[in-house]
Amino acid sequence: MGKNQWVVRHGDGWAQRGEGNERVTRIFDRQQEAIEAATDTARREHSELFIQNEGGQIRERNSYGHDPYPPKG
């Protein structure tokens, strides 16, 4: 399982960042472009995708890992 991917505000645009990284992976003008790139990476690495709103709160979360169904517990 790879690093979780985050879509975060970056200056006047948006960026894709791997969880735990200080530097962003790529910078985009539009949030939708960042979401598409981060989704591709999360699918490839079987990880989670977190999308922040302009205020920095998580507005959406998607899992592309191997989640057990039904959940344990």
PDB file of N, CA and C in Angstrom:
ATOM      1  N   MET A   1       0.845  -1.174   0.000  1.00  0.00           N
ATOM      2  CA  MET A   1       0.000   0.000   0.000  1.00  0.00           C
ATOM      3  C   MET A   1       0.890   1.236   0.000  1.00  0.00           C
ATOM      4  N   GLY A   2       0.597   2.179  -0.899  1.00  0.00           N
ATOM      5  CA  GLY A   2       1.402   3.381  -1.041  1.00  0.00           C
ATOM      6  C   GLY A   2       0.970   4.491  -0.099  1.00  0.00           C
ATOM      7  N   LYS A   3       1.536   5.654  -0.323  1.00  0.00           N
ATOM      8  CA  LYS A   3       1.212   6.819   0.494  1.00  0.00           C
ATOM      9  C   LYS A   3      -0.158   7.352   0.147  1.00  0.00           C
ATOM     10  N   ASN A   4      -0.884   7.769   1.167  1.00  0.00           N
ATOM     11  CA  ASN A   4      -2.155   8.441   0.928  1.00  0.00           C
ATOM     12  C   ASN A   4      -1.898   9.727   0.172  1.00  0.00           C
ATOM     13  N   GLN A   5      -2.832  10.120  -0.684  1.00  0.00           N
ATOM     14  CA  GLN A   5      -2.696  11.316  -1.506  1.00  0.00           C
ATOM     15  C   GLN A   5      -3.631  12.404  -1.003  1.00  0.00           C
ATOM     16  N   TRP A   6      -3.137  13.612  -0.978  1.00  0.00           N
ATOM     17  CA  TRP A   6      -3.916  14.765  -0.528  1.00  0.00           C
ATOM     18  C   TRP A   6      -4.011  15.789  -1.645  1.00  0.00           C
ATOM     19  N   VAL A   7      -5.188  16.411  -1.783  1.00  0.00           N
ATOM     20  CA  VAL A   7      -5.374  17.566  -2.670  1.00  0.00           C
ATOM     21  C   VAL A   7      -5.532  18.762  -1.738  1.00  0.00           C
ATOM     22  N   VAL A   8      -4.579  19.695  -1.841  1.00  0.00           N
ATOM     23  CA  VAL A   8      -4.520  20.820  -0.903  1.00  0.00           C
ATOM     24  C   VAL A   8      -4.408  22.146  -1.654  1.00  0.00           C
ATOM     25  N   ARG A   9      -4.817  23.207  -0.986  1.00  0.00           N
ATOM     26  CA  ARG A   9      -4.668  24.560  -1.536  1.00  0.00           C
ATOM     27  C   ARG A   9      -3.182  24.889  -1.564  1.00  0.00           C
ATOM     28  N   HIS A  10      -2.740  25.538  -2.643  1.00  0.00           N
ATOM     29  CA  HIS A  10      -1.314  25.892  -2.780  1.00  0.00           C
ATOM     30  C   HIS A  10      -1.243  27.251  -3.463  1.00  0.00           C
ATOM     31  N   GLY A  11      -1.061  28.311  -2.681  1.00  0.00           N
ATOM     32  CA  GLY A  11      -1.050  29.655  -3.242  1.00  0.00           C
ATOM     33  C   GLY A  11      -2.391  29.965  -3.881  1.00  0.00           C
ATOM     34  N   ASP A  12      -2.370  30.361  -5.149  1.00  0.00           N
ATOM     35  CA  ASP A  12      -3.606  30.649  -5.886  1.00  0.00           C
ATOM     36  C   ASP A  12      -4.181  29.413  -6.571  1.00  0.00           C
ATOM     37  N   GLY A  13      -3.487  28.281  -6.450  1.00  0.00           N
ATOM     38  CA  GLY A  13      -3.936  27.067  -7.129  1.00  0.00           C
ATOM     39  C   GLY A  13      -4.129  25.917  -6.158  1.00  0.00           C
ATOM     40  N   TRP A  14      -3.943  24.720  -6.685  1.00  0.00           N
ATOM     41  CA  TRP A  14      -4.132  23.490  -5.927  1.00  0.00           C
ATOM     42  C   TRP A  14      -2.946  22.580  -6.170  1.00  0.00           C
ATOM     43  N   ALA A  15      -2.711  21.657  -5.237  1.00  0.00           N
ATOM     44  CA  ALA A  15      -1.575  20.757  -5.377  1.00  0.00           C
ATOM     45  C   ALA A  15      -1.925  19.352  -4.916  1.00  0.00           C
ATOM     46  N   GLN A  16      -1.160  18.407  -5.427  1.00  0.00           N
ATOM     47  CA  GLN A  16      -1.211  17.018  -4.986  1.00  0.00           C
ATOM     48  C   GLN A  16      -0.013  16.806  -4.081  1.00  0.00           C
ATOM     49  N   ARG A  17      -0.240  16.193  -2.906  1.00  0.00           N
ATOM     50  CA  ARG A  17       0.860  15.937  -1.989  1.00  0.00           C
ATOM     51  C   ARG A  17       0.709  14.535  -1.408  1.00  0.00           C
ATOM     52  N   GLY A  18       1.800  13.791  -1.377  1.00  0.00           N
ATOM     53  CA  GLY A  18       1.811  12.487  -0.721  1.00  0.00           C
ATOM     54  C   GLY A  18       1.854  12.693   0.787  1.00  0.00           C
ATOM     55  N   GLU A  19       1.115  11.888   1.519  1.00  0.00           N
ATOM     56  CA  GLU A  19       1.039  12.040   2.973  1.00  0.00           C
ATOM     57  C   GLU A  19       2.430  11.941   3.596  1.00  0.00           C
ATOM     58  N   GLY A  20       2.730  12.885   4.461  1.00  0.00           N
ATOM     59  CA  GLY A  20       4.018  12.912   5.143  1.00  0.00           C
ATOM     60  C   GLY A  20       5.090  13.692   4.404  1.00  0.00           C
ATOM     61  N   ASN A  21       4.839  14.054   3.156  1.00  0.00           N
ATOM     62  CA  ASN A  21       5.819  14.827   2.385  1.00  0.00           C
ATOM     63  C   ASN A  21       5.703  16.311   2.715  1.00  0.00           C
ATOM     64  N   GLU A  22       6.827  16.982   2.830  1.00  0.00           N
ATOM     65  CA  GLU A  22       6.809  18.430   3.038  1.00  0.00           C
ATOM     66  C   GLU A  22       6.560  19.154   1.716  1.00  0.00           C
ATOM     67  N   ARG A  23       7.114  18.618   0.645  1.00  0.00           N
ATOM     68  CA  ARG A  23       6.956  19.244  -0.665  1.00  0.00           C
ATOM     69  C   ARG A  23       5.780  18.628  -1.410  1.00  0.00           C
ATOM     70  N   VAL A  24       5.143  19.440  -2.252  1.00  0.00           N
ATOM     71  CA  VAL A  24       4.033  18.938  -3.054  1.00  0.00           C
ATOM     72  C   VAL A  24       4.569  18.158  -4.248  1.00  0.00           C
ATOM     73  N   THR A  25       3.745  17.251  -4.750  1.00  0.00           N
ATOM     74  CA  THR A  25       4.118  16.432  -5.896  1.00  0.00           C
ATOM     75  C   THR A  25       3.968  17.214  -7.195  1.00  0.00           C
ATOM     76  N   ARG A  26       2.794  17.840  -7.362  1.00  0.00           N
ATOM     77  CA  ARG A  26       2.511  18.641  -8.559  1.00  0.00           C
ATOM     78  C   ARG A  26       1.582  19.779  -8.185  1.00  0.00           C
ATOM     79  N   ILE A  27       1.652  20.872  -8.964  1.00  0.00           N
ATOM     80  CA  ILE A  27       0.808  22.045  -8.745  1.00  0.00           C
ATOM     81  C   ILE A  27      -0.113  22.211  -9.954  1.00  0.00           C
ATOM     82  N   PHE A  28      -1.364  22.593  -9.682  1.00  0.00           N
ATOM     83  CA  PHE A  28      -2.370  22.745 -10.727  1.00  0.00           C
ATOM     84  C   PHE A  28      -3.100  24.074 -10.562  1.00  0.00           C
ATOM     85  N   ASP A  29      -3.668  24.574 -11.650  1.00  0.00           N
ATOM     86  CA  ASP A  29      -4.472  25.798 -11.602  1.00  0.00           C
ATOM     87  C   ASP A  29      -5.852  25.530 -11.012  1.00  0.00           C
ATOM     88  N   ARG A  30      -6.413  24.357 -11.314  1.00  0.00           N
ATOM     89  CA  ARG A  30      -7.780  24.046 -10.882  1.00  0.00           C
ATOM     90  C   ARG A  30      -7.785  22.837  -9.951  1.00  0.00           C
ATOM     91  N   GLN A  31      -8.718  22.833  -9.002  1.00  0.00           N
ATOM     92  CA  GLN A  31      -8.819  21.727  -8.060  1.00  0.00           C
ATOM     93  C   GLN A  31      -9.138  20.420  -8.781  1.00  0.00           C
ATOM     94  N   GLN A  32     -10.003  20.470  -9.791  1.00  0.00           N
ATOM     95  CA  GLN A  32     -10.394  19.251 -10.509  1.00  0.00           C
ATOM     96  C   GLN A  32      -9.184  18.572 -11.146  1.00  0.00           C
ATOM     97  N   GLU A  33      -8.236  19.334 -11.659  1.00  0.00           N
ATOM     98  CA  GLU A  33      -7.028  18.757 -12.248  1.00  0.00           C
ATOM     99  C   GLU A  33      -6.206  18.031 -11.182  1.00  0.00           C
ATOM    100  N   ALA A  34      -6.105  18.643 -10.000  1.00  0.00           N
ATOM    101  CA  ALA A  34      -5.366  18.024  -8.900  1.00  0.00           C
ATOM    102  C   ALA A  34      -6.062  16.750  -8.426  1.00  0.00           C
ATOM    103  N   ILE A  35      -7.391  16.773  -8.383  1.00  0.00           N
ATOM    104  CA  ILE A  35      -8.155  15.600  -7.960  1.00  0.00           C
ATOM    105  C   ILE A  35      -7.919  14.447  -8.937  1.00  0.00           C
ATOM    106  N   GLU A  36      -7.947  14.713 -10.219  1.00  0.00           N
ATOM    107  CA  GLU A  36      -7.748  13.664 -11.224  1.00  0.00           C
ATOM    108  C   GLU A  36      -6.364  13.040 -11.103  1.00  0.00           C
ATOM    109  N   ALA A  37      -5.336  13.867 -10.937  1.00  0.00           N
ATOM    110  CA  ALA A  37      -3.968  13.354 -10.808  1.00  0.00           C
ATOM    111  C   ALA A  37      -3.798  12.549  -9.520  1.00  0.00           C
ATOM    112  N   ALA A  38      -4.335  13.064  -8.406  1.00  0.00           N
ATOM    113  CA  ALA A  38      -4.213  12.365  -7.124  1.00  0.00           C
ATOM    114  C   ALA A  38      -5.004  11.064  -7.131  1.00  0.00           C
ATOM    115  N   THR A  39      -6.153  11.042  -7.807  1.00  0.00           N
ATOM    116  CA  THR A  39      -6.953   9.825  -7.918  1.00  0.00           C
ATOM    117  C   THR A  39      -6.182   8.754  -8.673  1.00  0.00           C
ATOM    118  N   ASP A  40      -5.544   9.134  -9.777  1.00  0.00           N
ATOM    119  CA  ASP A  40      -4.740   8.180 -10.542  1.00  0.00           C
ATOM    120  C   ASP A  40      -3.642   7.566  -9.674  1.00  0.00           C
ATOM    121  N   THR A  41      -2.957   8.406  -8.901  1.00  0.00           N
ATOM    122  CA  THR A  41      -1.885   7.919  -8.037  1.00  0.00           C
ATOM    123  C   THR A  41      -2.440   7.015  -6.942  1.00  0.00           C
ATOM    124  N   ALA A  42      -3.537   7.419  -6.300  1.00  0.00           N
ATOM    125  CA  ALA A  42      -4.130   6.618  -5.230  1.00  0.00           C
ATOM    126  C   ALA A  42      -4.586   5.254  -5.754  1.00  0.00           C
ATOM    127  N   ARG A  43      -5.161   5.220  -6.937  1.00  0.00           N
ATOM    128  CA  ARG A  43      -5.577   3.933  -7.527  1.00  0.00           C
ATOM    129  C   ARG A  43      -4.371   3.048  -7.804  1.00  0.00           C
ATOM    130  N   ARG A  44      -3.341   3.632  -8.360  1.00  0.00           N
ATOM    131  CA  ARG A  44      -2.135   2.881  -8.705  1.00  0.00           C
ATOM    132  C   ARG A  44      -1.441   2.334  -7.455  1.00  0.00           C
ATOM    133  N   GLU A  45      -1.447   3.126  -6.369  1.00  0.00           N
ATOM    134  CA  GLU A  45      -0.750   2.735  -5.144  1.00  0.00           C
ATOM    135  C   GLU A  45      -1.673   2.077  -4.118  1.00  0.00           C
ATOM    136  N   HIS A  46      -2.960   1.888  -4.465  1.00  0.00           N
ATOM    137  CA  HIS A  46      -3.937   1.278  -3.554  1.00  0.00           C
ATOM    138  C   HIS A  46      -3.952   1.990  -2.209  1.00  0.00           C
ATOM    139  N   SER A  47      -4.137   3.303  -2.256  1.00  0.00           N
ATOM    140  CA  SER A  47      -4.114   4.116  -1.041  1.00  0.00           C
ATOM    141  C   SER A  47      -5.383   4.956  -0.939  1.00  0.00           C
ATOM    142  N   GLU A  48      -5.399   5.893  -0.004  1.00  0.00           N
ATOM    143  CA  GLU A  48      -6.555   6.757   0.233  1.00  0.00           C
ATOM    144  C   GLU A  48      -6.330   8.110  -0.435  1.00  0.00           C
ATOM    145  N   LEU A  49      -7.434   8.761  -0.767  1.00  0.00           N
ATOM    146  CA  LEU A  49      -7.403  10.110  -1.338  1.00  0.00           C
ATOM    147  C   LEU A  49      -8.188  11.035  -0.412  1.00  0.00           C
ATOM    148  N   PHE A  50      -7.556  12.126  -0.001  1.00  0.00           N
ATOM    149  CA  PHE A  50      -8.189  13.141   0.838  1.00  0.00           C
ATOM    150  C   PHE A  50      -8.237  14.442   0.051  1.00  0.00           C
ATOM    151  N   ILE A  51      -9.413  15.044  -0.035  1.00  0.00           N
ATOM    152  CA  ILE A  51      -9.583  16.297  -0.768  1.00  0.00           C
ATOM    153  C   ILE A  51      -9.997  17.370   0.225  1.00  0.00           C
ATOM    154  N   GLN A  52      -9.194  18.427   0.307  1.00  0.00           N
ATOM    155  CA  GLN A  52      -9.496  19.534   1.214  1.00  0.00           C
ATOM    156  C   GLN A  52     -10.269  20.624   0.489  1.00  0.00           C
ATOM    157  N   ASN A  53     -11.073  21.384   1.263  1.00  0.00           N
ATOM    158  CA  ASN A  53     -11.724  22.556   0.696  1.00  0.00           C
ATOM    159  C   ASN A  53     -10.788  23.754   0.853  1.00  0.00           C
ATOM    160  N   GLU A  54     -11.235  24.927   0.448  1.00  0.00           N
ATOM    161  CA  GLU A  54     -10.374  26.108   0.505  1.00  0.00           C
ATOM    162  C   GLU A  54      -9.970  26.470   1.927  1.00  0.00           C
ATOM    163  N   GLY A  55     -10.772  26.080   2.915  1.00  0.00           N
ATOM    164  CA  GLY A  55     -10.460  26.361   4.311  1.00  0.00           C
ATOM    165  C   GLY A  55      -9.541  25.334   4.953  1.00  0.00           C
ATOM    166  N   GLY A  56      -9.184  24.290   4.221  1.00  0.00           N
ATOM    167  CA  GLY A  56      -8.279  23.272   4.736  1.00  0.00           C
ATOM    168  C   GLY A  56      -8.965  22.090   5.394  1.00  0.00           C
ATOM    169  N   GLN A  57     -10.292  22.071   5.415  1.00  0.00           N
ATOM    170  CA  GLN A  57     -11.022  20.945   5.992  1.00  0.00           C
ATOM    171  C   GLN A  57     -11.216  19.865   4.933  1.00  0.00           C
ATOM    172  N   ILE A  58     -11.265  18.620   5.373  1.00  0.00           N
ATOM    173  CA  ILE A  58     -11.484  17.517   4.444  1.00  0.00           C
ATOM    174  C   ILE A  58     -12.933  17.564   3.978  1.00  0.00           C
ATOM    175  N   ARG A  59     -13.127  17.694   2.662  1.00  0.00           N
ATOM    176  CA  ARG A  59     -14.485  17.742   2.117  1.00  0.00           C
ATOM    177  C   ARG A  59     -14.889  16.416   1.501  1.00  0.00           C
ATOM    178  N   GLU A  60     -13.885  15.586   1.188  1.00  0.00           N
ATOM    179  CA  GLU A  60     -14.180  14.289   0.578  1.00  0.00           C
ATOM    180  C   GLU A  60     -13.011  13.352   0.835  1.00  0.00           C
ATOM    181  N   ARG A  61     -13.351  12.064   0.943  1.00  0.00           N
ATOM    182  CA  ARG A  61     -12.325  11.044   1.176  1.00  0.00           C
ATOM    183  C   ARG A  61     -12.732   9.800   0.403  1.00  0.00           C
ATOM    184  N   ASN A  62     -11.782   9.219  -0.322  1.00  0.00           N
ATOM    185  CA  ASN A  62     -12.048   8.013  -1.096  1.00  0.00           C
ATOM    186  C   ASN A  62     -10.943   6.998  -0.842  1.00  0.00           C
ATOM    187  N   SER A  63     -11.325   5.733  -0.792  1.00  0.00           N
ATOM    188  CA  SER A  63     -10.365   4.668  -0.566  1.00  0.00           C
ATOM    189  C   SER A  63     -10.198   3.855  -1.840  1.00  0.00           C
ATOM    190  N   TYR A  64      -8.960   3.642  -2.212  1.00  0.00           N
ATOM    191  CA  TYR A  64      -8.646   2.805  -3.362  1.00  0.00           C
ATOM    192  C   TYR A  64      -7.784   1.625  -2.938  1.00  0.00           C
ATOM    193  N   GLY A  65      -7.784   1.340  -1.613  1.00  0.00           N
ATOM    194  CA  GLY A  65      -7.019   0.224  -1.060  1.00  0.00           C
ATOM    195  C   GLY A  65      -7.853  -1.030  -1.024  1.00  0.00           C
ATOM    196  N   HIS A  66      -7.387  -1.976  -0.259  1.00  0.00           N
ATOM    197  CA  HIS A  66      -8.076  -3.257  -0.124  1.00  0.00           C
ATOM    198  C   HIS A  66      -8.857  -3.244   1.182  1.00  0.00           C
ATOM    199  N   ASP A  67      -9.958  -2.534   1.200  1.00  0.00           N
ATOM    200  CA  ASP A  67     -10.791  -2.447   2.389  1.00  0.00           C
ATOM    201  C   ASP A  67     -11.580  -3.739   2.555  1.00  0.00           C
ATOM    202  N   PRO A  68     -11.610  -4.267   3.783  1.00  0.00           N
ATOM    203  CA  PRO A  68     -12.405  -5.472   3.994  1.00  0.00           C
ATOM    204  C   PRO A  68     -13.895  -5.152   3.955  1.00  0.00           C
ATOM    205  N   TYR A  69     -14.659  -5.993   3.338  1.00  0.00           N
ATOM    206  CA  TYR A  69     -16.109  -5.830   3.340  1.00  0.00           C
ATOM    207  C   TYR A  69     -16.737  -7.177   3.647  1.00  0.00           C
ATOM    208  N   PRO A  70     -17.531  -7.327   4.652  1.00  0.00           N
ATOM    209  CA  PRO A  70     -17.935  -6.270   5.568  1.00  0.00           C
ATOM    210  C   PRO A  70     -16.795  -5.895   6.508  1.00  0.00           C
ATOM    211  N   PRO A  71     -16.830  -4.674   7.065  1.00  0.00           N
ATOM    212  CA  PRO A  71     -15.749  -4.244   7.955  1.00  0.00           C
ATOM    213  C   PRO A  71     -15.661  -5.127   9.198  1.00  0.00           C
ATOM    214  N   LYS A  72     -14.460  -5.321   9.675  1.00  0.00           N
ATOM    215  CA  LYS A  72     -14.245  -6.113  10.894  1.00  0.00           C
ATOM    216  C   LYS A  72     -14.638  -5.275  12.097  1.00  0.00           C
ATOM    217  N   GLY A  73     -15.160  -5.951  13.119  1.00  0.00           N
ATOM    218  CA  GLY A  73     -15.457  -5.264  14.379  1.00  0.00           C
ATOM    219  C   GLY A  73     -16.810  -4.938  14.583  1.00  0.00           C
TER     220      GLY A  73
END
